[in-house]
Amino acid sequence: MVMKRSLAQVLQCVLVILIFVMTLTGCDFNADASDPEVGDNRFVPATYQEGDKITVKGEDGADLYTLTINFVWSTDKRNELLDTSPTQVVVINYTCENLAMPEDFMITDFSFKVSDADGNICDTYPLGLTDVVSPVPVGTQATAEEAYGLLSEGPDFRLMFFSHLSNHEAAAVFELAAN
């Protein structure tokens, strides 16, 4: 048995499917194209300074954890076992407080990207620091340090923080200067 459909019925089905697909993909015809979070699918992270505390929220808006960049400094210490010779080595001291992450949690160097004054992405630099990353249970905090080898001279550099929810985009950017 062959069913014949009118053009109006076919268009109605197509319209229902189109609305369904747009709902699933989050299309918004009322979005302001000048808004970088909506118009061109770019997220512009907030910029912070040394000593600022940021709070990472869950999808439901609940506070999950905080990150504070306590202080940074430049060191003349170098790792003699490495073949690389960065122009400058900076150490970043930070504190993570677990407010509501259900499991023990920690922020590691995988959560950070550092760029020097010339915009070069820089690698971590092994210095044998004593404040190492450790798991942080709910209701506690921990302080850790990470060292990075900068490729260009100058005190200014950027630390980009990627939260576990950031979907490969920096959740925050810290504009820092090493003393």
C-alpha atoms as a PDB file:
ATOM      1  CA  MET A   1       0.000   0.000   0.000  1.00  0.00           C
ATOM      2  CA  VAL A   2       1.494   3.280  -1.082  1.00  0.00           C
ATOM      3  CA  MET A   3       0.699   6.357   0.972  1.00  0.00           C
ATOM      4  CA  LYS A   4       0.482   9.670  -0.766  1.00  0.00           C
ATOM      5  CA  ARG A   5       1.383  12.743   1.211  1.00  0.00           C
ATOM      6  CA  SER A   6       0.504  16.243   0.341  1.00  0.00           C
ATOM      7  CA  LEU A   7       3.152  18.895  -0.056  1.00  0.00           C
ATOM      8  CA  ALA A   8       1.877  20.572   3.126  1.00  0.00           C
ATOM      9  CA  GLN A   9       2.364  17.365   5.136  1.00  0.00           C
ATOM     10  CA  VAL A  10       5.929  16.923   3.813  1.00  0.00           C
ATOM     11  CA  LEU A  11       6.807  20.542   4.602  1.00  0.00           C
ATOM     12  CA  GLN A  12       5.302  20.167   8.058  1.00  0.00           C
ATOM     13  CA  CYS A  13       7.491  17.088   8.736  1.00  0.00           C
ATOM     14  CA  VAL A  14      10.597  18.874   7.444  1.00  0.00           C
ATOM     15  CA  LEU A  15       9.830  21.878   9.655  1.00  0.00           C
ATOM     16  CA  VAL A  16       9.369  19.696  12.751  1.00  0.00           C
ATOM     17  CA  ILE A  17      12.654  17.894  12.047  1.00  0.00           C
ATOM     18  CA  LEU A  18      14.461  21.207  11.463  1.00  0.00           C
ATOM     19  CA  ILE A  19      13.196  22.650  14.753  1.00  0.00           C
ATOM     20  CA  PHE A  20      14.182  19.444  16.558  1.00  0.00           C
ATOM     21  CA  VAL A  21      17.719  19.528  15.119  1.00  0.00           C
ATOM     22  CA  MET A  22      18.147  23.228  15.951  1.00  0.00           C
ATOM     23  CA  THR A  23      17.015  22.564  19.516  1.00  0.00           C
ATOM     24  CA  LEU A  24      19.560  19.768  19.910  1.00  0.00           C
ATOM     25  CA  THR A  25      22.431  21.810  18.455  1.00  0.00           C
ATOM     26  CA  GLY A  26      21.633  24.977  20.375  1.00  0.00           C
ATOM     27  CA  CYS A  27      20.923  27.262  17.410  1.00  0.00           C
ATOM     28  CA  ASP A  28      19.598  30.636  18.516  1.00  0.00           C
ATOM     29  CA  PHE A  29      18.254  33.004  15.908  1.00  0.00           C
ATOM     30  CA  ASN A  30      18.106  35.788  18.510  1.00  0.00           C
ATOM     31  CA  ALA A  31      21.842  35.629  19.305  1.00  0.00           C
ATOM     32  CA  ASP A  32      23.829  38.825  18.904  1.00  0.00           C
ATOM     33  CA  ALA A  33      26.498  38.181  16.247  1.00  0.00           C
ATOM     34  CA  SER A  34      28.844  40.677  17.918  1.00  0.00           C
ATOM     35  CA  ASP A  35      28.954  38.572  21.112  1.00  0.00           C
ATOM     36  CA  PRO A  36      32.167  36.478  20.842  1.00  0.00           C
ATOM     37  CA  GLU A  37      30.686  33.718  23.000  1.00  0.00           C
ATOM     38  CA  VAL A  38      27.766  33.240  20.618  1.00  0.00           C
ATOM     39  CA  GLY A  39      28.373  34.840  17.218  1.00  0.00           C
ATOM     40  CA  ASP A  40      31.628  33.193  16.132  1.00  0.00           C
ATOM     41  CA  ASN A  41      31.850  30.340  18.654  1.00  0.00           C
ATOM     42  CA  ARG A  42      34.921  31.821  20.422  1.00  0.00           C
ATOM     43  CA  PHE A  43      35.172  32.052  24.182  1.00  0.00           C
ATOM     44  CA  VAL A  44      37.080  35.041  25.541  1.00  0.00           C
ATOM     45  CA  PRO A  45      38.461  34.144  28.975  1.00  0.00           C
ATOM     46  CA  ALA A  46      38.686  36.680  31.771  1.00  0.00           C
ATOM     47  CA  THR A  47      42.146  38.048  32.606  1.00  0.00           C
ATOM     48  CA  TYR A  48      43.540  37.880  36.130  1.00  0.00           C
ATOM     49  CA  GLN A  49      46.675  38.930  38.025  1.00  0.00           C
ATOM     50  CA  GLU A  50      48.903  37.353  40.658  1.00  0.00           C
ATOM     51  CA  GLY A  51      46.940  36.875  43.882  1.00  0.00           C
ATOM     52  CA  ASP A  52      43.521  36.700  42.195  1.00  0.00           C
ATOM     53  CA  LYS A  53      41.331  33.736  43.117  1.00  0.00           C
ATOM     54  CA  ILE A  54      39.123  32.225  40.441  1.00  0.00           C
ATOM     55  CA  THR A  55      36.216  29.903  41.129  1.00  0.00           C
ATOM     56  CA  VAL A  56      35.368  27.125  38.691  1.00  0.00           C
ATOM     57  CA  LYS A  57      31.665  26.328  38.566  1.00  0.00           C
ATOM     58  CA  GLY A  58      29.949  23.160  37.446  1.00  0.00           C
ATOM     59  CA  GLU A  59      27.391  22.958  34.675  1.00  0.00           C
ATOM     60  CA  ASP A  60      24.684  23.510  37.291  1.00  0.00           C
ATOM     61  CA  GLY A  61      26.371  26.722  38.508  1.00  0.00           C
ATOM     62  CA  ALA A  62      27.630  25.230  41.777  1.00  0.00           C
ATOM     63  CA  ASP A  63      31.139  26.216  42.954  1.00  0.00           C
ATOM     64  CA  LEU A  64      33.470  23.230  42.420  1.00  0.00           C
ATOM     65  CA  TYR A  65      36.988  24.485  43.190  1.00  0.00           C
ATOM     66  CA  THR A  66      39.174  27.566  43.311  1.00  0.00           C
ATOM     67  CA  LEU A  67      42.582  28.377  41.889  1.00  0.00           C
ATOM     68  CA  THR A  68      44.850  31.144  43.153  1.00  0.00           C
ATOM     69  CA  ILE A  69      48.183  32.060  41.596  1.00  0.00           C
ATOM     70  CA  ASN A  70      49.930  33.061  44.830  1.00  0.00           C
ATOM     71  CA  PHE A  71      53.200  34.391  43.431  1.00  0.00           C
ATOM     72  CA  VAL A  72      55.759  33.873  40.682  1.00  0.00           C
ATOM     73  CA  TRP A  73      59.487  34.386  40.542  1.00  0.00           C
ATOM     74  CA  SER A  74      62.401  33.975  38.201  1.00  0.00           C
ATOM     75  CA  THR A  75      65.273  31.696  39.146  1.00  0.00           C
ATOM     76  CA  ASP A  76      68.855  31.271  37.948  1.00  0.00           C
ATOM     77  CA  LYS A  77      68.747  27.585  38.875  1.00  0.00           C
ATOM     78  CA  ARG A  78      69.080  25.249  35.888  1.00  0.00           C
ATOM     79  CA  ASN A  79      68.785  21.506  35.429  1.00  0.00           C
ATOM     80  CA  GLU A  80      72.254  20.295  34.385  1.00  0.00           C
ATOM     81  CA  LEU A  81      70.838  17.069  32.942  1.00  0.00           C
ATOM     82  CA  LEU A  82      68.885  18.834  30.209  1.00  0.00           C
ATOM     83  CA  ASP A  83      70.151  19.731  26.769  1.00  0.00           C
ATOM     84  CA  THR A  84      67.844  22.754  26.585  1.00  0.00           C
ATOM     85  CA  SER A  85      68.840  26.160  27.840  1.00  0.00           C
ATOM     86  CA  PRO A  86      65.839  28.467  28.333  1.00  0.00           C
ATOM     87  CA  THR A  87      66.475  32.191  28.453  1.00  0.00           C
ATOM     88  CA  GLN A  88      64.575  32.443  31.735  1.00  0.00           C
ATOM     89  CA  VAL A  89      63.036  29.968  34.187  1.00  0.00           C
ATOM     90  CA  VAL A  90      59.961  31.056  36.145  1.00  0.00           C
ATOM     91  CA  VAL A  91      58.321  29.273  39.052  1.00  0.00           C
ATOM     92  CA  ILE A  92      54.572  29.558  39.615  1.00  0.00           C
ATOM     93  CA  ASN A  93      53.227  28.942  43.128  1.00  0.00           C
ATOM     94  CA  TYR A  94      49.494  28.210  43.213  1.00  0.00           C
ATOM     95  CA  THR A  95      46.779  26.956  45.561  1.00  0.00           C
ATOM     96  CA  CYS A  96      43.812  24.763  44.666  1.00  0.00           C
ATOM     97  CA  GLU A  97      40.845  24.414  47.030  1.00  0.00           C
ATOM     98  CA  ASN A  98      38.337  21.608  46.443  1.00  0.00           C
ATOM     99  CA  LEU A  99      34.903  23.000  47.307  1.00  0.00           C
ATOM    100  CA  ALA A 100      32.679  20.275  45.888  1.00  0.00           C
ATOM    101  CA  MET A 101      34.482  17.989  43.449  1.00  0.00           C
ATOM    102  CA  PRO A 102      33.185  14.516  44.282  1.00  0.00           C
ATOM    103  CA  GLU A 103      36.556  12.781  43.995  1.00  0.00           C
ATOM    104  CA  ASP A 104      40.029  13.769  45.121  1.00  0.00           C
ATOM    105  CA  PHE A 105      41.081  16.450  42.709  1.00  0.00           C
ATOM    106  CA  MET A 106      44.281  18.140  41.599  1.00  0.00           C
ATOM    107  CA  ILE A 107      45.431  20.787  39.170  1.00  0.00           C
ATOM    108  CA  THR A 108      48.562  19.716  37.305  1.00  0.00           C
ATOM    109  CA  ASP A 109      50.764  21.185  34.599  1.00  0.00           C
ATOM    110  CA  PHE A 110      48.286  19.701  32.092  1.00  0.00           C
ATOM    111  CA  SER A 111      45.855  22.407  33.253  1.00  0.00           C
ATOM    112  CA  PHE A 112      48.285  25.182  32.255  1.00  0.00           C
ATOM    113  CA  LYS A 113      49.885  26.623  29.132  1.00  0.00           C
ATOM    114  CA  VAL A 114      52.476  29.353  29.477  1.00  0.00           C
ATOM    115  CA  SER A 115      53.509  31.839  26.816  1.00  0.00           C
ATOM    116  CA  ASP A 116      56.456  34.211  27.147  1.00  0.00           C
ATOM    117  CA  ALA A 117      56.587  37.923  26.265  1.00  0.00           C
ATOM    118  CA  ASP A 118      57.047  37.074  22.560  1.00  0.00           C
ATOM    119  CA  GLY A 119      54.046  34.713  22.527  1.00  0.00           C
ATOM    120  CA  ASN A 120      56.047  31.460  22.447  1.00  0.00           C
ATOM    121  CA  ILE A 121      54.331  28.503  24.139  1.00  0.00           C
ATOM    122  CA  CYS A 122      56.791  27.276  26.764  1.00  0.00           C
ATOM    123  CA  ASP A 123      57.375  23.855  28.309  1.00  0.00           C
ATOM    124  CA  THR A 124      57.537  22.866  31.938  1.00  0.00           C
ATOM    125  CA  TYR A 125      61.068  22.854  33.285  1.00  0.00           C
ATOM    126  CA  PRO A 126      62.129  20.148  35.780  1.00  0.00           C
ATOM    127  CA  LEU A 127      63.787  21.782  38.785  1.00  0.00           C
ATOM    128  CA  GLY A 128      63.051  19.292  41.560  1.00  0.00           C
ATOM    129  CA  LEU A 129      60.651  21.641  43.347  1.00  0.00           C
ATOM    130  CA  THR A 130      59.491  20.655  46.836  1.00  0.00           C
ATOM    131  CA  ASP A 131      55.834  21.779  46.643  1.00  0.00           C
ATOM    132  CA  VAL A 132      54.495  19.117  44.295  1.00  0.00           C
ATOM    133  CA  VAL A 133      50.946  18.503  43.152  1.00  0.00           C
ATOM    134  CA  SER A 134      48.877  16.236  45.384  1.00  0.00           C
ATOM    135  CA  PRO A 135      45.229  15.086  45.414  1.00  0.00           C
ATOM    136  CA  VAL A 136      42.845  17.481  47.179  1.00  0.00           C
ATOM    137  CA  PRO A 137      39.799  15.921  48.912  1.00  0.00           C
ATOM    138  CA  VAL A 138      36.572  17.932  49.302  1.00  0.00           C
ATOM    139  CA  GLY A 139      36.920  20.676  51.892  1.00  0.00           C
ATOM    140  CA  THR A 140      40.729  20.893  51.732  1.00  0.00           C
ATOM    141  CA  GLN A 141      43.340  22.819  49.780  1.00  0.00           C
ATOM    142  CA  ALA A 142      46.880  22.235  48.568  1.00  0.00           C
ATOM    143  CA  THR A 143      49.699  24.444  47.329  1.00  0.00           C
ATOM    144  CA  ALA A 144      52.027  23.394  44.518  1.00  0.00           C
ATOM    145  CA  GLU A 145      54.685  24.835  42.220  1.00  0.00           C
ATOM    146  CA  GLU A 146      55.432  24.427  38.529  1.00  0.00           C
ATOM    147  CA  ALA A 147      58.487  25.730  36.683  1.00  0.00           C
ATOM    148  CA  TYR A 148      58.526  26.795  33.029  1.00  0.00           C
ATOM    149  CA  GLY A 149      61.419  27.588  30.706  1.00  0.00           C
ATOM    150  CA  LEU A 150      60.753  30.832  28.823  1.00  0.00           C
ATOM    151  CA  LEU A 151      62.292  31.336  25.404  1.00  0.00           C
ATOM    152  CA  SER A 152      62.457  35.132  25.499  1.00  0.00           C
ATOM    153  CA  GLU A 153      63.842  37.595  28.034  1.00  0.00           C
ATOM    154  CA  GLY A 154      61.521  39.750  30.081  1.00  0.00           C
ATOM    155  CA  PRO A 155      59.508  39.529  33.233  1.00  0.00           C
ATOM    156  CA  ASP A 156      56.051  39.423  31.620  1.00  0.00           C
ATOM    157  CA  PHE A 157      54.367  36.168  30.629  1.00  0.00           C
ATOM    158  CA  ARG A 158      50.891  34.624  30.426  1.00  0.00           C
ATOM    159  CA  LEU A 159      49.522  31.564  32.140  1.00  0.00           C
ATOM    160  CA  MET A 160      46.428  30.083  30.513  1.00  0.00           C
ATOM    161  CA  PHE A 161      44.328  27.873  32.786  1.00  0.00           C
ATOM    162  CA  PHE A 162      42.238  25.047  31.337  1.00  0.00           C
ATOM    163  CA  SER A 163      39.607  23.692  33.718  1.00  0.00           C
ATOM    164  CA  HIS A 164      38.251  20.170  33.454  1.00  0.00           C
ATOM    165  CA  LEU A 165      35.108  21.733  31.926  1.00  0.00           C
ATOM    166  CA  SER A 166      36.793  24.167  29.514  1.00  0.00           C
ATOM    167  CA  ASN A 167      36.527  22.005  26.384  1.00  0.00           C
ATOM    168  CA  HIS A 168      40.056  22.833  25.155  1.00  0.00           C
ATOM    169  CA  GLU A 169      39.607  26.582  25.617  1.00  0.00           C
ATOM    170  CA  ALA A 170      41.331  28.583  28.341  1.00  0.00           C
ATOM    171  CA  ALA A 171      38.959  29.182  31.249  1.00  0.00           C
ATOM    172  CA  ALA A 172      41.135  32.034  32.551  1.00  0.00           C
ATOM    173  CA  VAL A 173      44.313  33.894  31.619  1.00  0.00           C
ATOM    174  CA  PHE A 174      46.739  35.236  34.209  1.00  0.00           C
ATOM    175  CA  GLU A 175      48.960  38.142  33.137  1.00  0.00           C
ATOM    176  CA  LEU A 176      52.067  37.650  35.292  1.00  0.00           C
ATOM    177  CA  ALA A 177      55.505  39.168  35.872  1.00  0.00           C
ATOM    178  CA  ALA A 178      58.410  37.267  37.378  1.00  0.00           C
ATOM    179  CA  ASN A 179      60.479  39.101  39.985  1.00  0.00           C
END
